[in-house]
Amino acid sequence: MSAAAPAPTAPSRPVPYLSVRGLATRVVASIGIVFGGAILLLIYLGFSASTLPWYSNVVVVLVIFLGGIGSLAALWASWGMRMFRENAERFAGPFFRAPPNG
């Protein structure tokens, strides 16, 4: 029988981690948008959907979904463009175009 490998020891100094500005805010906002849209949809379907014809209900549901997707896209696209601009040197190469100055 062989002896088990020793457990790894804790690092002598703290391990640095990548700090990304605005990431936590966007994650929380994304969760809020998804669950807020689901709650809004359930409230609408539970209380107001019976007063309108089916095609109006479809329009309301599509507006809720598209509004949520548009909000998420705007939220994350602005962050992605800023992160690329700030870290452009990491992406340098023949297949990437440098962002404009300014």
N, C-alpha and C. Protein backbone atom coordinates (compact mmCIF):
# COMPACT_ATOMS: atom_id res chain seq x y z
N MET A 1 0.83 -1.18 0.00
CA MET A 1 0.00 0.00 0.00
C MET A 1 0.87 1.24 0.00
N SER A 2 0.45 2.21 -0.80
CA SER A 2 1.21 3.45 -0.83
C SER A 2 0.54 4.49 0.06
N ALA A 3 1.33 5.37 0.57
CA ALA A 3 0.81 6.42 1.44
C ALA A 3 0.12 7.48 0.59
N ALA A 4 -0.88 8.11 1.18
CA ALA A 4 -1.61 9.17 0.48
C ALA A 4 -0.72 10.41 0.34
N ALA A 5 -0.93 11.14 -0.72
CA ALA A 5 -0.16 12.35 -0.93
C ALA A 5 -0.49 13.37 0.15
N PRO A 6 0.50 14.15 0.57
CA PRO A 6 0.22 15.14 1.60
C PRO A 6 -0.71 16.24 1.07
N ALA A 7 -1.47 16.80 1.98
CA ALA A 7 -2.40 17.86 1.61
C ALA A 7 -1.60 19.10 1.22
N PRO A 8 -2.08 19.84 0.23
CA PRO A 8 -1.36 21.06 -0.16
C PRO A 8 -1.38 22.08 0.96
N THR A 9 -0.29 22.80 1.09
CA THR A 9 -0.21 23.82 2.13
C THR A 9 -0.76 25.14 1.60
N ALA A 10 -1.16 26.00 2.50
CA ALA A 10 -1.69 27.30 2.13
C ALA A 10 -0.54 28.16 1.59
N PRO A 11 -0.83 29.01 0.62
CA PRO A 11 0.23 29.87 0.09
C PRO A 11 0.73 30.82 1.17
N SER A 12 2.03 31.15 1.10
CA SER A 12 2.62 32.01 2.11
C SER A 12 2.17 33.46 1.98
N ARG A 13 1.73 33.85 0.79
CA ARG A 13 1.23 35.20 0.60
C ARG A 13 -0.10 35.12 -0.15
N PRO A 14 -0.92 36.12 -0.03
CA PRO A 14 -2.22 36.06 -0.71
C PRO A 14 -2.05 35.99 -2.22
N VAL A 15 -2.90 35.21 -2.83
CA VAL A 15 -2.86 35.07 -4.28
C VAL A 15 -3.64 36.23 -4.89
N PRO A 16 -3.02 37.00 -5.79
CA PRO A 16 -3.75 38.13 -6.39
C PRO A 16 -4.83 37.62 -7.33
N TYR A 17 -5.91 38.32 -7.38
CA TYR A 17 -6.97 37.96 -8.30
C TYR A 17 -7.28 39.15 -9.18
N LEU A 18 -7.83 38.87 -10.32
CA LEU A 18 -8.14 39.91 -11.27
C LEU A 18 -9.36 40.68 -10.78
N SER A 19 -9.18 41.94 -10.53
CA SER A 19 -10.28 42.80 -10.10
C SER A 19 -10.85 43.49 -11.34
N VAL A 20 -12.12 43.25 -11.58
CA VAL A 20 -12.78 43.80 -12.77
C VAL A 20 -13.82 44.81 -12.30
N ARG A 21 -13.60 46.08 -12.67
CA ARG A 21 -14.54 47.11 -12.25
C ARG A 21 -15.89 46.92 -12.92
N GLY A 22 -16.96 47.04 -12.13
CA GLY A 22 -18.31 47.01 -12.67
C GLY A 22 -18.89 45.63 -12.90
N LEU A 23 -18.11 44.58 -12.69
CA LEU A 23 -18.61 43.24 -12.97
C LEU A 23 -19.70 42.83 -11.98
N ALA A 24 -19.48 43.07 -10.70
CA ALA A 24 -20.47 42.68 -9.68
C ALA A 24 -21.79 43.41 -9.89
N THR A 25 -21.71 44.68 -10.23
CA THR A 25 -22.93 45.46 -10.46
C THR A 25 -23.71 44.90 -11.64
N ARG A 26 -23.01 44.53 -12.69
CA ARG A 26 -23.69 44.00 -13.87
C ARG A 26 -24.28 42.62 -13.62
N VAL A 27 -23.62 41.81 -12.83
CA VAL A 27 -24.17 40.49 -12.49
C VAL A 27 -25.45 40.65 -11.69
N VAL A 28 -25.42 41.53 -10.69
CA VAL A 28 -26.61 41.76 -9.87
C VAL A 28 -27.74 42.34 -10.73
N ALA A 29 -27.41 43.28 -11.60
CA ALA A 29 -28.43 43.86 -12.49
C ALA A 29 -29.00 42.81 -13.44
N SER A 30 -28.15 41.91 -13.93
CA SER A 30 -28.63 40.85 -14.82
C SER A 30 -29.61 39.92 -14.11
N ILE A 31 -29.28 39.55 -12.90
CA ILE A 31 -30.18 38.69 -12.12
C ILE A 31 -31.49 39.43 -11.86
N GLY A 32 -31.40 40.71 -11.53
CA GLY A 32 -32.61 41.51 -11.30
C GLY A 32 -33.48 41.63 -12.53
N ILE A 33 -32.86 41.82 -13.69
CA ILE A 33 -33.62 41.94 -14.93
C ILE A 33 -34.32 40.63 -15.26
N VAL A 34 -33.62 39.51 -15.12
CA VAL A 34 -34.23 38.21 -15.45
C VAL A 34 -35.39 37.89 -14.51
N PHE A 35 -35.14 37.99 -13.21
CA PHE A 35 -36.21 37.65 -12.27
C PHE A 35 -37.30 38.71 -12.23
N GLY A 36 -36.94 39.98 -12.42
CA GLY A 36 -37.95 41.03 -12.50
C GLY A 36 -38.86 40.84 -13.69
N GLY A 37 -38.29 40.47 -14.84
CA GLY A 37 -39.10 40.20 -16.02
C GLY A 37 -40.01 38.99 -15.83
N ALA A 38 -39.48 37.95 -15.17
CA ALA A 38 -40.31 36.76 -14.91
C ALA A 38 -41.46 37.10 -13.97
N ILE A 39 -41.19 37.88 -12.94
CA ILE A 39 -42.25 38.27 -12.00
C ILE A 39 -43.29 39.15 -12.70
N LEU A 40 -42.82 40.10 -13.51
CA LEU A 40 -43.74 40.96 -14.26
C LEU A 40 -44.61 40.13 -15.20
N LEU A 41 -44.01 39.16 -15.86
CA LEU A 41 -44.75 38.29 -16.77
C LEU A 41 -45.80 37.48 -16.02
N LEU A 42 -45.42 36.91 -14.89
CA LEU A 42 -46.39 36.12 -14.11
C LEU A 42 -47.53 36.97 -13.57
N ILE A 43 -47.22 38.17 -13.11
CA ILE A 43 -48.28 39.06 -12.61
C ILE A 43 -49.22 39.44 -13.75
N TYR A 44 -48.65 39.76 -14.90
CA TYR A 44 -49.50 40.12 -16.04
C TYR A 44 -50.39 38.95 -16.45
N LEU A 45 -49.78 37.79 -16.62
CA LEU A 45 -50.56 36.63 -17.06
C LEU A 45 -51.58 36.20 -16.02
N GLY A 46 -51.28 36.41 -14.76
CA GLY A 46 -52.20 36.00 -13.70
C GLY A 46 -53.37 36.94 -13.50
N PHE A 47 -53.16 38.24 -13.74
CA PHE A 47 -54.21 39.20 -13.39
C PHE A 47 -54.80 39.96 -14.58
N SER A 48 -54.03 40.23 -15.61
CA SER A 48 -54.52 41.10 -16.68
C SER A 48 -54.72 40.43 -18.02
N ALA A 49 -54.20 39.26 -18.21
CA ALA A 49 -54.22 38.63 -19.54
C ALA A 49 -55.63 38.27 -19.99
N SER A 50 -56.53 38.00 -19.07
CA SER A 50 -57.87 37.56 -19.46
C SER A 50 -58.72 38.70 -20.03
N THR A 51 -58.31 39.95 -19.82
CA THR A 51 -59.11 41.07 -20.32
C THR A 51 -58.77 41.45 -21.76
N LEU A 52 -57.69 40.92 -22.32
CA LEU A 52 -57.27 41.26 -23.67
C LEU A 52 -57.36 40.03 -24.57
N PRO A 53 -57.47 40.22 -25.90
CA PRO A 53 -57.45 39.08 -26.82
C PRO A 53 -56.07 38.42 -26.85
N TRP A 54 -56.01 37.21 -27.38
CA TRP A 54 -54.77 36.42 -27.33
C TRP A 54 -53.62 37.11 -28.04
N TYR A 55 -53.88 37.79 -29.17
CA TYR A 55 -52.79 38.41 -29.91
C TYR A 55 -52.21 39.60 -29.14
N SER A 56 -53.00 40.28 -28.36
CA SER A 56 -52.47 41.35 -27.51
C SER A 56 -51.62 40.77 -26.39
N ASN A 57 -52.02 39.63 -25.87
CA ASN A 57 -51.21 38.97 -24.84
C ASN A 57 -49.86 38.54 -25.40
N VAL A 58 -49.85 38.05 -26.63
CA VAL A 58 -48.59 37.66 -27.26
C VAL A 58 -47.68 38.87 -27.42
N VAL A 59 -48.25 40.00 -27.80
CA VAL A 59 -47.46 41.22 -27.96
C VAL A 59 -46.88 41.66 -26.62
N VAL A 60 -47.66 41.62 -25.57
CA VAL A 60 -47.17 42.02 -24.25
C VAL A 60 -46.03 41.10 -23.80
N VAL A 61 -46.19 39.80 -24.00
CA VAL A 61 -45.14 38.85 -23.61
C VAL A 61 -43.87 39.11 -24.42
N LEU A 62 -44.01 39.34 -25.72
CA LEU A 62 -42.84 39.63 -26.56
C LEU A 62 -42.15 40.93 -26.15
N VAL A 63 -42.92 41.93 -25.78
CA VAL A 63 -42.34 43.20 -25.34
C VAL A 63 -41.55 43.00 -24.05
N ILE A 64 -42.06 42.20 -23.14
CA ILE A 64 -41.34 41.93 -21.88
C ILE A 64 -40.03 41.21 -22.19
N PHE A 65 -40.08 40.17 -23.03
CA PHE A 65 -38.86 39.43 -23.37
C PHE A 65 -37.85 40.30 -24.11
N LEU A 66 -38.30 41.02 -25.12
CA LEU A 66 -37.38 41.84 -25.91
C LEU A 66 -36.83 42.99 -25.09
N GLY A 67 -37.63 43.55 -24.19
CA GLY A 67 -37.12 44.60 -23.31
C GLY A 67 -36.03 44.07 -22.38
N GLY A 68 -36.22 42.88 -21.85
CA GLY A 68 -35.20 42.27 -20.99
C GLY A 68 -33.93 41.95 -21.76
N ILE A 69 -34.08 41.39 -22.94
CA ILE A 69 -32.91 41.05 -23.76
C ILE A 69 -32.17 42.31 -24.18
N GLY A 70 -32.90 43.35 -24.55
CA GLY A 70 -32.27 44.61 -24.93
C GLY A 70 -31.54 45.25 -23.76
N SER A 71 -32.14 45.19 -22.58
CA SER A 71 -31.48 45.75 -21.40
C SER A 71 -30.20 44.99 -21.08
N LEU A 72 -30.26 43.67 -21.15
CA LEU A 72 -29.06 42.87 -20.88
C LEU A 72 -27.98 43.13 -21.93
N ALA A 73 -28.39 43.25 -23.19
CA ALA A 73 -27.41 43.50 -24.25
C ALA A 73 -26.72 44.85 -24.06
N ALA A 74 -27.49 45.88 -23.74
CA ALA A 74 -26.90 47.20 -23.52
C ALA A 74 -25.98 47.20 -22.31
N LEU A 75 -26.40 46.51 -21.27
CA LEU A 75 -25.63 46.44 -20.03
C LEU A 75 -24.27 45.78 -20.26
N TRP A 76 -24.27 44.64 -20.93
CA TRP A 76 -23.04 43.87 -21.11
C TRP A 76 -22.20 44.36 -22.28
N ALA A 77 -22.82 44.91 -23.32
CA ALA A 77 -22.04 45.41 -24.46
C ALA A 77 -21.20 46.61 -24.06
N SER A 78 -21.77 47.50 -23.26
CA SER A 78 -20.99 48.66 -22.83
C SER A 78 -19.80 48.23 -21.98
N TRP A 79 -19.99 47.25 -21.15
CA TRP A 79 -18.91 46.75 -20.30
C TRP A 79 -17.85 46.05 -21.17
N GLY A 80 -18.29 45.25 -22.12
CA GLY A 80 -17.35 44.54 -22.99
C GLY A 80 -16.52 45.48 -23.83
N MET A 81 -17.13 46.53 -24.36
CA MET A 81 -16.37 47.49 -25.15
C MET A 81 -15.36 48.24 -24.29
N ARG A 82 -15.76 48.59 -23.07
CA ARG A 82 -14.83 49.28 -22.18
C ARG A 82 -13.68 48.37 -21.79
N MET A 83 -13.96 47.11 -21.49
CA MET A 83 -12.90 46.17 -21.10
C MET A 83 -11.94 45.94 -22.26
N PHE A 84 -12.46 45.85 -23.48
CA PHE A 84 -11.57 45.67 -24.63
C PHE A 84 -10.68 46.89 -24.82
N ARG A 85 -11.26 48.08 -24.68
CA ARG A 85 -10.49 49.31 -24.85
C ARG A 85 -9.39 49.40 -23.81
N GLU A 86 -9.69 49.02 -22.56
CA GLU A 86 -8.70 49.11 -21.49
C GLU A 86 -7.63 48.03 -21.59
N ASN A 87 -7.93 46.91 -22.22
CA ASN A 87 -7.00 45.78 -22.30
C ASN A 87 -6.63 45.45 -23.73
N ALA A 88 -6.56 46.45 -24.58
CA ALA A 88 -6.32 46.22 -26.01
C ALA A 88 -4.97 45.57 -26.26
N GLU A 89 -3.98 45.84 -25.41
CA GLU A 89 -2.66 45.25 -25.65
C GLU A 89 -2.68 43.73 -25.48
N ARG A 90 -3.60 43.20 -24.70
CA ARG A 90 -3.71 41.74 -24.56
C ARG A 90 -4.22 41.09 -25.83
N PHE A 91 -4.99 41.85 -26.59
CA PHE A 91 -5.63 41.30 -27.78
C PHE A 91 -4.88 41.64 -29.06
N ALA A 92 -3.68 42.21 -28.94
CA ALA A 92 -2.94 42.62 -30.12
C ALA A 92 -2.55 41.40 -30.95
N GLY A 93 -2.64 41.54 -32.23
CA GLY A 93 -2.30 40.44 -33.12
C GLY A 93 -2.88 40.69 -34.49
N PRO A 94 -2.63 39.79 -35.42
CA PRO A 94 -3.08 40.03 -36.80
C PRO A 94 -4.60 39.95 -36.97
N PHE A 95 -5.30 39.31 -36.04
CA PHE A 95 -6.74 39.13 -36.21
C PHE A 95 -7.57 40.14 -35.44
N PHE A 96 -6.93 41.03 -34.70
CA PHE A 96 -7.67 42.01 -33.90
C PHE A 96 -7.33 43.42 -34.35
N ARG A 97 -8.31 44.25 -34.37
CA ARG A 97 -8.16 45.64 -34.76
C ARG A 97 -8.05 46.47 -33.50
N ALA A 98 -7.12 47.39 -33.45
CA ALA A 98 -6.93 48.24 -32.27
C ALA A 98 -8.09 49.23 -32.18
N PRO A 99 -8.55 49.53 -30.95
CA PRO A 99 -9.63 50.50 -30.81
C PRO A 99 -9.15 51.90 -31.15
N PRO A 100 -10.03 52.77 -31.57
CA PRO A 100 -9.60 54.13 -31.90
C PRO A 100 -9.17 54.88 -30.65
N ASN A 101 -8.24 55.79 -30.83
CA ASN A 101 -7.79 56.59 -29.68
C ASN A 101 -8.86 57.60 -29.32
N GLY A 102 -9.03 57.76 -28.00
CA GLY A 102 -9.97 58.78 -27.56
C GLY A 102 -11.07 58.30 -26.75
